[in-house]
Amino acid sequence: MFLLNIPSGPQPAKIIGSSSHDIWVNSGEDAILDCNAVGFPPPVITWKKDNQVMKKTERYVPSGNSLKMKIVRSRYPDDDAVFSCEAKNDFGNDSRDFVVIIPSEFKF
């Protein structure tokens, strides 16, 4: 028997998950930020970098209905920042911050 999970009514947007809020990534490597959000109606996701709304570029690529943000070839100091996702529907909103840390390379 197949059961379909249908919400019984409106549910406010909520970000769930337990991954780390601090993301360490080496310069030149990709980073994936995961904004696992639920709610009914399904929430709209907005990504921000240092409190500024982000737009899709070849370096910042949202995927999976914007539930994930890929930072392509991260670099210091451009991506050493606070990224956040906001999930919002008509019944509520929730947000989550990700501190992306890219160790600087010291040359002797």
PDB file of N, CA and C in Angstrom:
ATOM      1  N   MET A   1       0.832  -1.164   0.000  1.00  0.00           N
ATOM      2  CA  MET A   1       0.000   0.000   0.000  1.00  0.00           C
ATOM      3  C   MET A   1       0.891   1.247   0.000  1.00  0.00           C
ATOM      4  N   PHE A   2       0.564   2.203  -0.804  1.00  0.00           N
ATOM      5  CA  PHE A   2       1.326   3.448  -0.937  1.00  0.00           C
ATOM      6  C   PHE A   2       0.596   4.554  -0.193  1.00  0.00           C
ATOM      7  N   LEU A   3       1.291   5.202   0.766  1.00  0.00           N
ATOM      8  CA  LEU A   3       0.695   6.304   1.515  1.00  0.00           C
ATOM      9  C   LEU A   3       1.309   7.607   1.039  1.00  0.00           C
ATOM     10  N   LEU A   4       0.466   8.571   0.818  1.00  0.00           N
ATOM     11  CA  LEU A   4       0.906   9.884   0.378  1.00  0.00           C
ATOM     12  C   LEU A   4       0.868  10.822   1.579  1.00  0.00           C
ATOM     13  N   ASN A   5       1.975  11.491   1.859  1.00  0.00           N
ATOM     14  CA  ASN A   5       2.050  12.408   2.989  1.00  0.00           C
ATOM     15  C   ASN A   5       1.579  13.786   2.547  1.00  0.00           C
ATOM     16  N   ILE A   6       0.339  14.125   2.882  1.00  0.00           N
ATOM     17  CA  ILE A   6      -0.246  15.404   2.504  1.00  0.00           C
ATOM     18  C   ILE A   6      -0.410  16.232   3.778  1.00  0.00           C
ATOM     19  N   PRO A   7       0.111  17.461   3.786  1.00  0.00           N
ATOM     20  CA  PRO A   7      -0.047  18.293   4.973  1.00  0.00           C
ATOM     21  C   PRO A   7      -1.522  18.502   5.301  1.00  0.00           C
ATOM     22  N   SER A   8      -1.844  18.524   6.590  1.00  0.00           N
ATOM     23  CA  SER A   8      -3.233  18.687   7.011  1.00  0.00           C
ATOM     24  C   SER A   8      -3.670  20.152   6.985  1.00  0.00           C
ATOM     25  N   GLY A   9      -2.762  21.038   6.770  1.00  0.00           N
ATOM     26  CA  GLY A   9      -3.075  22.459   6.713  1.00  0.00           C
ATOM     27  C   GLY A   9      -1.807  23.261   6.543  1.00  0.00           C
ATOM     28  N   PRO A  10      -1.924  24.566   6.604  1.00  0.00           N
ATOM     29  CA  PRO A  10      -0.741  25.410   6.430  1.00  0.00           C
ATOM     30  C   PRO A  10       0.324  25.122   7.487  1.00  0.00           C
ATOM     31  N   GLN A  11       1.567  25.183   7.055  1.00  0.00           N
ATOM     32  CA  GLN A  11       2.700  25.011   7.962  1.00  0.00           C
ATOM     33  C   GLN A  11       3.715  26.107   7.665  1.00  0.00           C
ATOM     34  N   PRO A  12       4.171  26.834   8.693  1.00  0.00           N
ATOM     35  CA  PRO A  12       5.144  27.893   8.445  1.00  0.00           C
ATOM     36  C   PRO A  12       6.460  27.324   7.918  1.00  0.00           C
ATOM     37  N   ALA A  13       7.166  28.135   7.158  1.00  0.00           N
ATOM     38  CA  ALA A  13       8.478  27.738   6.639  1.00  0.00           C
ATOM     39  C   ALA A  13       9.424  27.492   7.804  1.00  0.00           C
ATOM     40  N   LYS A  14      10.205  26.429   7.690  1.00  0.00           N
ATOM     41  CA  LYS A  14      11.175  26.086   8.735  1.00  0.00           C
ATOM     42  C   LYS A  14      12.384  25.441   8.083  1.00  0.00           C
ATOM     43  N   ILE A  15      13.553  25.861   8.507  1.00  0.00           N
ATOM     44  CA  ILE A  15      14.793  25.252   8.025  1.00  0.00           C
ATOM     45  C   ILE A  15      15.169  24.146   8.992  1.00  0.00           C
ATOM     46  N   ILE A  16      15.399  22.958   8.452  1.00  0.00           N
ATOM     47  CA  ILE A  16      15.733  21.800   9.277  1.00  0.00           C
ATOM     48  C   ILE A  16      17.113  21.293   8.891  1.00  0.00           C
ATOM     49  N   GLY A  17      17.668  20.454   9.723  1.00  0.00           N
ATOM     50  CA  GLY A  17      18.972  19.870   9.429  1.00  0.00           C
ATOM     51  C   GLY A  17      19.954  20.197  10.533  1.00  0.00           C
ATOM     52  N   SER A  18      21.035  19.456  10.534  1.00  0.00           N
ATOM     53  CA  SER A  18      21.996  19.625  11.617  1.00  0.00           C
ATOM     54  C   SER A  18      23.423  19.804  11.115  1.00  0.00           C
ATOM     55  N   SER A  19      23.595  20.196   9.859  1.00  0.00           N
ATOM     56  CA  SER A  19      24.960  20.385   9.376  1.00  0.00           C
ATOM     57  C   SER A  19      25.566  21.625  10.008  1.00  0.00           C
ATOM     58  N   SER A  20      26.868  21.699   9.985  1.00  0.00           N
ATOM     59  CA  SER A  20      27.599  22.784  10.627  1.00  0.00           C
ATOM     60  C   SER A  20      27.267  24.134  10.011  1.00  0.00           C
ATOM     61  N   HIS A  21      27.286  25.149  10.844  1.00  0.00           N
ATOM     62  CA  HIS A  21      27.086  26.519  10.363  1.00  0.00           C
ATOM     63  C   HIS A  21      28.403  27.112   9.861  1.00  0.00           C
ATOM     64  N   ASP A  22      29.526  26.553  10.306  1.00  0.00           N
ATOM     65  CA  ASP A  22      30.846  26.998   9.846  1.00  0.00           C
ATOM     66  C   ASP A  22      31.328  26.060   8.750  1.00  0.00           C
ATOM     67  N   ILE A  23      31.638  26.630   7.597  1.00  0.00           N
ATOM     68  CA  ILE A  23      32.075  25.840   6.446  1.00  0.00           C
ATOM     69  C   ILE A  23      33.517  26.234   6.140  1.00  0.00           C
ATOM     70  N   TRP A  24      34.443  25.308   6.338  1.00  0.00           N
ATOM     71  CA  TRP A  24      35.851  25.539   5.998  1.00  0.00           C
ATOM     72  C   TRP A  24      36.090  24.978   4.608  1.00  0.00           C
ATOM     73  N   VAL A  25      36.671  25.778   3.736  1.00  0.00           N
ATOM     74  CA  VAL A  25      36.948  25.329   2.376  1.00  0.00           C
ATOM     75  C   VAL A  25      38.260  25.949   1.914  1.00  0.00           C
ATOM     76  N   ASN A  26      39.052  25.163   1.237  1.00  0.00           N
ATOM     77  CA  ASN A  26      40.316  25.671   0.699  1.00  0.00           C
ATOM     78  C   ASN A  26      40.061  26.513  -0.535  1.00  0.00           C
ATOM     79  N   SER A  27      40.870  27.524  -0.711  1.00  0.00           N
ATOM     80  CA  SER A  27      40.764  28.382  -1.885  1.00  0.00           C
ATOM     81  C   SER A  27      40.858  27.533  -3.147  1.00  0.00           C
ATOM     82  N   GLY A  28      39.968  27.784  -4.096  1.00  0.00           N
ATOM     83  CA  GLY A  28      39.952  27.042  -5.350  1.00  0.00           C
ATOM     84  C   GLY A  28      39.044  25.831  -5.345  1.00  0.00           C
ATOM     85  N   GLU A  29      38.517  25.457  -4.180  1.00  0.00           N
ATOM     86  CA  GLU A  29      37.604  24.317  -4.095  1.00  0.00           C
ATOM     87  C   GLU A  29      36.164  24.806  -4.077  1.00  0.00           C
ATOM     88  N   ASP A  30      35.246  23.929  -4.508  1.00  0.00           N
ATOM     89  CA  ASP A  30      33.822  24.247  -4.461  1.00  0.00           C
ATOM     90  C   ASP A  30      33.289  24.032  -3.041  1.00  0.00           C
ATOM     91  N   ALA A  31      32.267  24.793  -2.687  1.00  0.00           N
ATOM     92  CA  ALA A  31      31.582  24.623  -1.408  1.00  0.00           C
ATOM     93  C   ALA A  31      30.083  24.526  -1.689  1.00  0.00           C
ATOM     94  N   ILE A  32      29.402  23.673  -0.936  1.00  0.00           N
ATOM     95  CA  ILE A  32      27.952  23.511  -1.069  1.00  0.00           C
ATOM     96  C   ILE A  32      27.313  23.912   0.261  1.00  0.00           C
ATOM     97  N   LEU A  33      26.390  24.864   0.196  1.00  0.00           N
ATOM     98  CA  LEU A  33      25.621  25.270   1.362  1.00  0.00           C
ATOM     99  C   LEU A  33      24.219  24.676   1.212  1.00  0.00           C
ATOM    100  N   ASP A  34      23.724  24.023   2.247  1.00  0.00           N
ATOM    101  CA  ASP A  34      22.467  23.293   2.175  1.00  0.00           C
ATOM    102  C   ASP A  34      21.411  23.959   3.053  1.00  0.00           C
ATOM    103  N   CYS A  35      20.326  24.388   2.439  1.00  0.00           N
ATOM    104  CA  CYS A  35      19.227  25.056   3.135  1.00  0.00           C
ATOM    105  C   CYS A  35      18.006  24.160   3.058  1.00  0.00           C
ATOM    106  N   ASN A  36      17.968  23.132   3.881  1.00  0.00           N
ATOM    107  CA  ASN A  36      16.886  22.157   3.856  1.00  0.00           C
ATOM    108  C   ASN A  36      15.667  22.753   4.543  1.00  0.00           C
ATOM    109  N   ALA A  37      14.680  23.161   3.752  1.00  0.00           N
ATOM    110  CA  ALA A  37      13.512  23.863   4.282  1.00  0.00           C
ATOM    111  C   ALA A  37      12.225  23.097   3.991  1.00  0.00           C
ATOM    112  N   VAL A  38      11.280  23.199   4.927  1.00  0.00           N
ATOM    113  CA  VAL A  38       9.975  22.580   4.779  1.00  0.00           C
ATOM    114  C   VAL A  38       8.908  23.622   5.089  1.00  0.00           C
ATOM    115  N   GLY A  39       7.677  23.308   4.736  1.00  0.00           N
ATOM    116  CA  GLY A  39       6.539  24.176   5.013  1.00  0.00           C
ATOM    117  C   GLY A  39       5.466  23.941   3.973  1.00  0.00           C
ATOM    118  N   PHE A  40       4.261  24.427   4.261  1.00  0.00           N
ATOM    119  CA  PHE A  40       3.177  24.321   3.292  1.00  0.00           C
ATOM    120  C   PHE A  40       2.368  25.604   3.338  1.00  0.00           C
ATOM    121  N   PRO A  41       2.258  26.312   2.224  1.00  0.00           N
ATOM    122  CA  PRO A  41       2.827  25.961   0.921  1.00  0.00           C
ATOM    123  C   PRO A  41       4.358  25.969   0.958  1.00  0.00           C
ATOM    124  N   PRO A  42       4.979  25.277  -0.021  1.00  0.00           N
ATOM    125  CA  PRO A  42       6.440  25.184  -0.032  1.00  0.00           C
ATOM    126  C   PRO A  42       7.080  26.582   0.032  1.00  0.00           C
ATOM    127  N   PRO A  43       8.101  26.724   0.866  1.00  0.00           N
ATOM    128  CA  PRO A  43       8.725  28.038   1.028  1.00  0.00           C
ATOM    129  C   PRO A  43       9.555  28.453  -0.187  1.00  0.00           C
ATOM    130  N   VAL A  44       9.668  29.760  -0.347  1.00  0.00           N
ATOM    131  CA  VAL A  44      10.553  30.359  -1.344  1.00  0.00           C
ATOM    132  C   VAL A  44      11.871  30.630  -0.629  1.00  0.00           C
ATOM    133  N   ILE A  45      12.980  30.285  -1.272  1.00  0.00           N
ATOM    134  CA  ILE A  45      14.307  30.439  -0.676  1.00  0.00           C
ATOM    135  C   ILE A  45      15.006  31.652  -1.280  1.00  0.00           C
ATOM    136  N   THR A  46      15.571  32.486  -0.412  1.00  0.00           N
ATOM    137  CA  THR A  46      16.386  33.619  -0.834  1.00  0.00           C
ATOM    138  C   THR A  46      17.765  33.471  -0.199  1.00  0.00           C
ATOM    139  N   TRP A  47      18.807  33.584  -1.026  1.00  0.00           N
ATOM    140  CA  TRP A  47      20.184  33.500  -0.541  1.00  0.00           C
ATOM    141  C   TRP A  47      20.776  34.900  -0.449  1.00  0.00           C
ATOM    142  N   LYS A  48      21.581  35.107   0.617  1.00  0.00           N
ATOM    143  CA  LYS A  48      22.256  36.393   0.819  1.00  0.00           C
ATOM    144  C   LYS A  48      23.723  36.152   1.138  1.00  0.00           C
ATOM    145  N   LYS A  49      24.536  37.129   0.793  1.00  0.00           N
ATOM    146  CA  LYS A  49      25.957  37.137   1.152  1.00  0.00           C
ATOM    147  C   LYS A  49      26.203  38.460   1.845  1.00  0.00           C
ATOM    148  N   ASP A  50      26.637  38.396   3.108  1.00  0.00           N
ATOM    149  CA  ASP A  50      26.839  39.601   3.926  1.00  0.00           C
ATOM    150  C   ASP A  50      25.620  40.521   3.856  1.00  0.00           C
ATOM    151  N   ASN A  51      24.429  39.933   4.032  1.00  0.00           N
ATOM    152  CA  ASN A  51      23.130  40.632   4.062  1.00  0.00           C
ATOM    153  C   ASN A  51      22.698  41.243   2.735  1.00  0.00           C
ATOM    154  N   GLN A  52      23.350  40.913   1.633  1.00  0.00           N
ATOM    155  CA  GLN A  52      22.956  41.396   0.313  1.00  0.00           C
ATOM    156  C   GLN A  52      22.385  40.224  -0.486  1.00  0.00           C
ATOM    157  N   VAL A  53      21.192  40.414  -1.069  1.00  0.00           N
ATOM    158  CA  VAL A  53      20.561  39.352  -1.848  1.00  0.00           C
ATOM    159  C   VAL A  53      21.478  38.955  -3.002  1.00  0.00           C
ATOM    160  N   MET A  54      21.667  37.656  -3.159  1.00  0.00           N
ATOM    161  CA  MET A  54      22.554  37.130  -4.199  1.00  0.00           C
ATOM    162  C   MET A  54      21.776  36.836  -5.473  1.00  0.00           C
ATOM    163  N   LYS A  55      22.450  37.001  -6.577  1.00  0.00           N
ATOM    164  CA  LYS A  55      21.905  36.604  -7.868  1.00  0.00           C
ATOM    165  C   LYS A  55      22.772  35.470  -8.406  1.00  0.00           C
ATOM    166  N   LYS A  56      22.172  34.639  -9.235  1.00  0.00           N
ATOM    167  CA  LYS A  56      22.913  33.539  -9.843  1.00  0.00           C
ATOM    168  C   LYS A  56      23.985  34.100 -10.762  1.00  0.00           C
ATOM    169  N   THR A  57      25.197  33.593 -10.588  1.00  0.00           N
ATOM    170  CA  THR A  57      26.313  33.922 -11.469  1.00  0.00           C
ATOM    171  C   THR A  57      27.007  32.608 -11.796  1.00  0.00           C
ATOM    172  N   GLU A  58      28.073  32.666 -12.564  1.00  0.00           N
ATOM    173  CA  GLU A  58      28.786  31.409 -12.852  1.00  0.00           C
ATOM    174  C   GLU A  58      29.543  30.904 -11.627  1.00  0.00           C
ATOM    175  N   ARG A  59      29.723  31.736 -10.611  1.00  0.00           N
ATOM    176  CA  ARG A  59      30.398  31.308  -9.378  1.00  0.00           C
ATOM    177  C   ARG A  59      29.421  30.959  -8.256  1.00  0.00           C
ATOM    178  N   TYR A  60      28.220  31.544  -8.278  1.00  0.00           N
ATOM    179  CA  TYR A  60      27.209  31.267  -7.259  1.00  0.00           C
ATOM    180  C   TYR A  60      26.007  30.635  -7.945  1.00  0.00           C
ATOM    181  N   VAL A  61      25.835  29.327  -7.732  1.00  0.00           N
ATOM    182  CA  VAL A  61      24.850  28.569  -8.496  1.00  0.00           C
ATOM    183  C   VAL A  61      23.848  27.903  -7.543  1.00  0.00           C
ATOM    184  N   PRO A  62      22.613  28.440  -7.460  1.00  0.00           N
ATOM    185  CA  PRO A  62      21.591  27.751  -6.660  1.00  0.00           C
ATOM    186  C   PRO A  62      21.083  26.524  -7.413  1.00  0.00           C
ATOM    187  N   SER A  63      20.689  25.492  -6.679  1.00  0.00           N
ATOM    188  CA  SER A  63      20.154  24.287  -7.317  1.00  0.00           C
ATOM    189  C   SER A  63      19.104  23.669  -6.412  1.00  0.00           C
ATOM    190  N   GLY A  64      18.380  22.706  -6.939  1.00  0.00           N
ATOM    191  CA  GLY A  64      17.368  22.002  -6.155  1.00  0.00           C
ATOM    192  C   GLY A  64      16.319  22.943  -5.606  1.00  0.00           C
ATOM    193  N   ASN A  65      15.670  23.724  -6.475  1.00  0.00           N
ATOM    194  CA  ASN A  65      14.673  24.713  -6.050  1.00  0.00           C
ATOM    195  C   ASN A  65      15.293  25.707  -5.071  1.00  0.00           C
ATOM    196  N   SER A  66      16.571  26.014  -5.296  1.00  0.00           N
ATOM    197  CA  SER A  66      17.355  26.954  -4.480  1.00  0.00           C
ATOM    198  C   SER A  66      17.630  26.455  -3.070  1.00  0.00           C
ATOM    199  N   LEU A  67      17.419  25.166  -2.795  1.00  0.00           N
ATOM    200  CA  LEU A  67      17.709  24.631  -1.472  1.00  0.00           C
ATOM    201  C   LEU A  67      19.207  24.495  -1.225  1.00  0.00           C
ATOM    202  N   LYS A  68      19.992  24.499  -2.288  1.00  0.00           N
ATOM    203  CA  LYS A  68      21.449  24.416  -2.164  1.00  0.00           C
ATOM    204  C   LYS A  68      22.086  25.567  -2.931  1.00  0.00           C
ATOM    205  N   MET A  69      23.202  26.040  -2.415  1.00  0.00           N
ATOM    206  CA  MET A  69      23.983  27.069  -3.100  1.00  0.00           C
ATOM    207  C   MET A  69      25.392  26.522  -3.268  1.00  0.00           C
ATOM    208  N   LYS A  70      25.848  26.501  -4.508  1.00  0.00           N
ATOM    209  CA  LYS A  70      27.201  26.042  -4.792  1.00  0.00           C
ATOM    210  C   LYS A  70      28.074  27.261  -5.042  1.00  0.00           C
ATOM    211  N   ILE A  71      29.175  27.332  -4.294  1.00  0.00           N
ATOM    212  CA  ILE A  71      30.178  28.366  -4.521  1.00  0.00           C
ATOM    213  C   ILE A  71      31.282  27.697  -5.335  1.00  0.00           C
ATOM    214  N   VAL A  72      31.413  28.106  -6.577  1.00  0.00           N
ATOM    215  CA  VAL A  72      32.358  27.477  -7.501  1.00  0.00           C
ATOM    216  C   VAL A  72      33.732  28.132  -7.329  1.00  0.00           C
ATOM    217  N   ARG A  73      34.732  27.287  -7.126  1.00  0.00           N
ATOM    218  CA  ARG A  73      36.121  27.743  -6.986  1.00  0.00           C
ATOM    219  C   ARG A  73      36.230  28.904  -5.990  1.00  0.00           C
ATOM    220  N   SER A  74      35.859  28.622  -4.755  1.00  0.00           N
ATOM    221  CA  SER A  74      35.891  29.656  -3.725  1.00  0.00           C
ATOM    222  C   SER A  74      37.277  30.292  -3.650  1.00  0.00           C
ATOM    223  N   ARG A  75      37.275  31.560  -3.266  1.00  0.00           N
ATOM    224  CA  ARG A  75      38.567  32.239  -3.179  1.00  0.00           C
ATOM    225  C   ARG A  75      38.563  33.254  -2.041  1.00  0.00           C
ATOM    226  N   TYR A  76      39.725  33.414  -1.470  1.00  0.00           N
ATOM    227  CA  TYR A  76      39.933  34.377  -0.398  1.00  0.00           C
ATOM    228  C   TYR A  76      40.349  35.699  -1.013  1.00  0.00           C
ATOM    229  N   PRO A  77      39.854  36.825  -0.611  1.00  0.00           N
ATOM    230  CA  PRO A  77      38.893  37.072   0.463  1.00  0.00           C
ATOM    231  C   PRO A  77      37.447  37.168  -0.027  1.00  0.00           C
ATOM    232  N   ASP A  78      37.193  37.010  -1.335  1.00  0.00           N
ATOM    233  CA  ASP A  78      35.854  37.220  -1.902  1.00  0.00           C
ATOM    234  C   ASP A  78      34.761  36.404  -1.223  1.00  0.00           C
ATOM    235  N   ASP A  79      35.026  35.152  -0.911  1.00  0.00           N
ATOM    236  CA  ASP A  79      34.003  34.253  -0.401  1.00  0.00           C
ATOM    237  C   ASP A  79      34.146  33.973   1.088  1.00  0.00           C
ATOM    238  N   ASP A  80      35.088  34.612   1.750  1.00  0.00           N
ATOM    239  CA  ASP A  80      35.259  34.506   3.189  1.00  0.00           C
ATOM    240  C   ASP A  80      34.216  35.447   3.800  1.00  0.00           C
ATOM    241  N   ALA A  81      32.991  34.932   3.994  1.00  0.00           N
ATOM    242  CA  ALA A  81      31.865  35.804   4.317  1.00  0.00           C
ATOM    243  C   ALA A  81      30.781  35.030   5.056  1.00  0.00           C
ATOM    244  N   VAL A  82      29.748  35.757   5.446  1.00  0.00           N
ATOM    245  CA  VAL A  82      28.568  35.141   6.040  1.00  0.00           C
ATOM    246  C   VAL A  82      27.503  35.030   4.944  1.00  0.00           C
ATOM    247  N   PHE A  83      27.141  33.803   4.620  1.00  0.00           N
ATOM    248  CA  PHE A  83      26.073  33.528   3.668  1.00  0.00           C
ATOM    249  C   PHE A  83      24.847  33.144   4.488  1.00  0.00           C
ATOM    250  N   SER A  84      23.675  33.453   3.992  1.00  0.00           N
ATOM    251  CA  SER A  84      22.465  33.057   4.708  1.00  0.00           C
ATOM    252  C   SER A  84      21.386  32.671   3.716  1.00  0.00           C
ATOM    253  N   CYS A  85      20.516  31.793   4.178  1.00  0.00           N
ATOM    254  CA  CYS A  85      19.350  31.452   3.379  1.00  0.00           C
ATOM    255  C   CYS A  85      18.116  31.788   4.206  1.00  0.00           C
ATOM    256  N   GLU A  86      17.101  32.263   3.521  1.00  0.00           N
ATOM    257  CA  GLU A  86      15.833  32.563   4.174  1.00  0.00           C
ATOM    258  C   GLU A  86      14.747  31.762   3.471  1.00  0.00           C
ATOM    259  N   ALA A  87      13.974  31.039   4.250  1.00  0.00           N
ATOM    260  CA  ALA A  87      12.833  30.291   3.737  1.00  0.00           C
ATOM    261  C   ALA A  87      11.580  31.049   4.170  1.00  0.00           C
ATOM    262  N   LYS A  88      10.703  31.321   3.209  1.00  0.00           N
ATOM    263  CA  LYS A  88       9.541  32.147   3.526  1.00  0.00           C
ATOM    264  C   LYS A  88       8.304  31.637   2.792  1.00  0.00           C
ATOM    265  N   ASN A  89       7.199  31.548   3.524  1.00  0.00           N
ATOM    266  CA  ASN A  89       5.895  31.318   2.898  1.00  0.00           C
ATOM    267  C   ASN A  89       4.889  32.237   3.588  1.00  0.00           C
ATOM    268  N   ASP A  90       3.617  32.114   3.240  1.00  0.00           N
ATOM    269  CA  ASP A  90       2.598  33.017   3.783  1.00  0.00           C
ATOM    270  C   ASP A  90       2.383  32.862   5.286  1.00  0.00           C
ATOM    271  N   PHE A  91       2.923  31.817   5.885  1.00  0.00           N
ATOM    272  CA  PHE A  91       2.651  31.530   7.288  1.00  0.00           C
ATOM    273  C   PHE A  91       3.864  31.675   8.198  1.00  0.00           C
ATOM    274  N   GLY A  92       4.997  32.053   7.637  1.00  0.00           N
ATOM    275  CA  GLY A  92       6.169  32.279   8.471  1.00  0.00           C
ATOM    276  C   GLY A  92       7.453  32.253   7.680  1.00  0.00           C
ATOM    277  N   ASN A  93       8.527  32.567   8.367  1.00  0.00           N
ATOM    278  CA  ASN A  93       9.838  32.519   7.733  1.00  0.00           C
ATOM    279  C   ASN A  93      10.872  32.044   8.737  1.00  0.00           C
ATOM    280  N   ASP A  94      11.982  31.576   8.210  1.00  0.00           N
ATOM    281  CA  ASP A  94      13.089  31.084   9.018  1.00  0.00           C
ATOM    282  C   ASP A  94      14.360  31.386   8.244  1.00  0.00           C
ATOM    283  N   SER A  95      15.459  31.549   8.952  1.00  0.00           N
ATOM    284  CA  SER A  95      16.719  31.803   8.253  1.00  0.00           C
ATOM    285  C   SER A  95      17.847  31.057   8.946  1.00  0.00           C
ATOM    286  N   ARG A  96      18.930  30.903   8.203  1.00  0.00           N
ATOM    287  CA  ARG A  96      20.101  30.201   8.714  1.00  0.00           C
ATOM    288  C   ARG A  96      21.346  30.853   8.138  1.00  0.00           C
ATOM    289  N   ASP A  97      22.331  31.063   8.987  1.00  0.00           N
ATOM    290  CA  ASP A  97      23.609  31.646   8.562  1.00  0.00           C
ATOM    291  C   ASP A  97      24.656  30.557   8.405  1.00  0.00           C
ATOM    292  N   PHE A  98      25.515  30.756   7.423  1.00  0.00           N
ATOM    293  CA  PHE A  98      26.669  29.891   7.186  1.00  0.00           C
ATOM    294  C   PHE A  98      27.896  30.805   7.152  1.00  0.00           C
ATOM    295  N   VAL A  99      28.850  30.548   8.002  1.00  0.00           N
ATOM    296  CA  VAL A  99      30.092  31.313   7.988  1.00  0.00           C
ATOM    297  C   VAL A  99      31.086  30.518   7.147  1.00  0.00           C
ATOM    298  N   VAL A 100      31.403  31.050   5.970  1.00  0.00           N
ATOM    299  CA  VAL A 100      32.357  30.387   5.084  1.00  0.00           C
ATOM    300  C   VAL A 100      33.742  30.928   5.418  1.00  0.00           C
ATOM    301  N   ILE A 101      34.629  30.011   5.752  1.00  0.00           N
ATOM    302  CA  ILE A 101      35.983  30.372   6.159  1.00  0.00           C
ATOM    303  C   ILE A 101      36.956  29.775   5.159  1.00  0.00           C
ATOM    304  N   ILE A 102      37.743  30.647   4.547  1.00  0.00           N
ATOM    305  CA  ILE A 102      38.756  30.215   3.577  1.00  0.00           C
ATOM    306  C   ILE A 102      40.107  30.647   4.133  1.00  0.00           C
ATOM    307  N   PRO A 103      40.897  29.688   4.603  1.00  0.00           N
ATOM    308  CA  PRO A 103      42.193  30.065   5.164  1.00  0.00           C
ATOM    309  C   PRO A 103      43.048  30.777   4.112  1.00  0.00           C
ATOM    310  N   SER A 104      43.628  31.881   4.523  1.00  0.00           N
ATOM    311  CA  SER A 104      44.520  32.581   3.581  1.00  0.00           C
ATOM    312  C   SER A 104      45.810  31.782   3.446  1.00  0.00           C
ATOM    313  N   GLU A 105      46.430  31.904   2.310  1.00  0.00           N
ATOM    314  CA  GLU A 105      47.672  31.189   2.048  1.00  0.00           C
ATOM    315  C   GLU A 105      48.835  32.114   2.339  1.00  0.00           C
ATOM    316  N   PHE A 106      49.681  31.689   3.265  1.00  0.00           N
ATOM    317  CA  PHE A 106      50.855  32.476   3.588  1.00  0.00           C
ATOM    318  C   PHE A 106      52.014  32.026   2.718  1.00  0.00           C
ATOM    319  N   LYS A 107      52.725  32.973   2.168  1.00  0.00           N
ATOM    320  CA  LYS A 107      53.900  32.644   1.344  1.00  0.00           C
ATOM    321  C   LYS A 107      55.133  33.193   2.036  1.00  0.00           C
ATOM    322  N   PHE A 108      56.133  32.344   2.170  1.00  0.00           N
ATOM    323  CA  PHE A 108      57.373  32.742   2.833  1.00  0.00           C
ATOM    324  C   PHE A 108      58.456  33.022   1.811  1.00  0.00           C
TER     325      PHE A 108
END
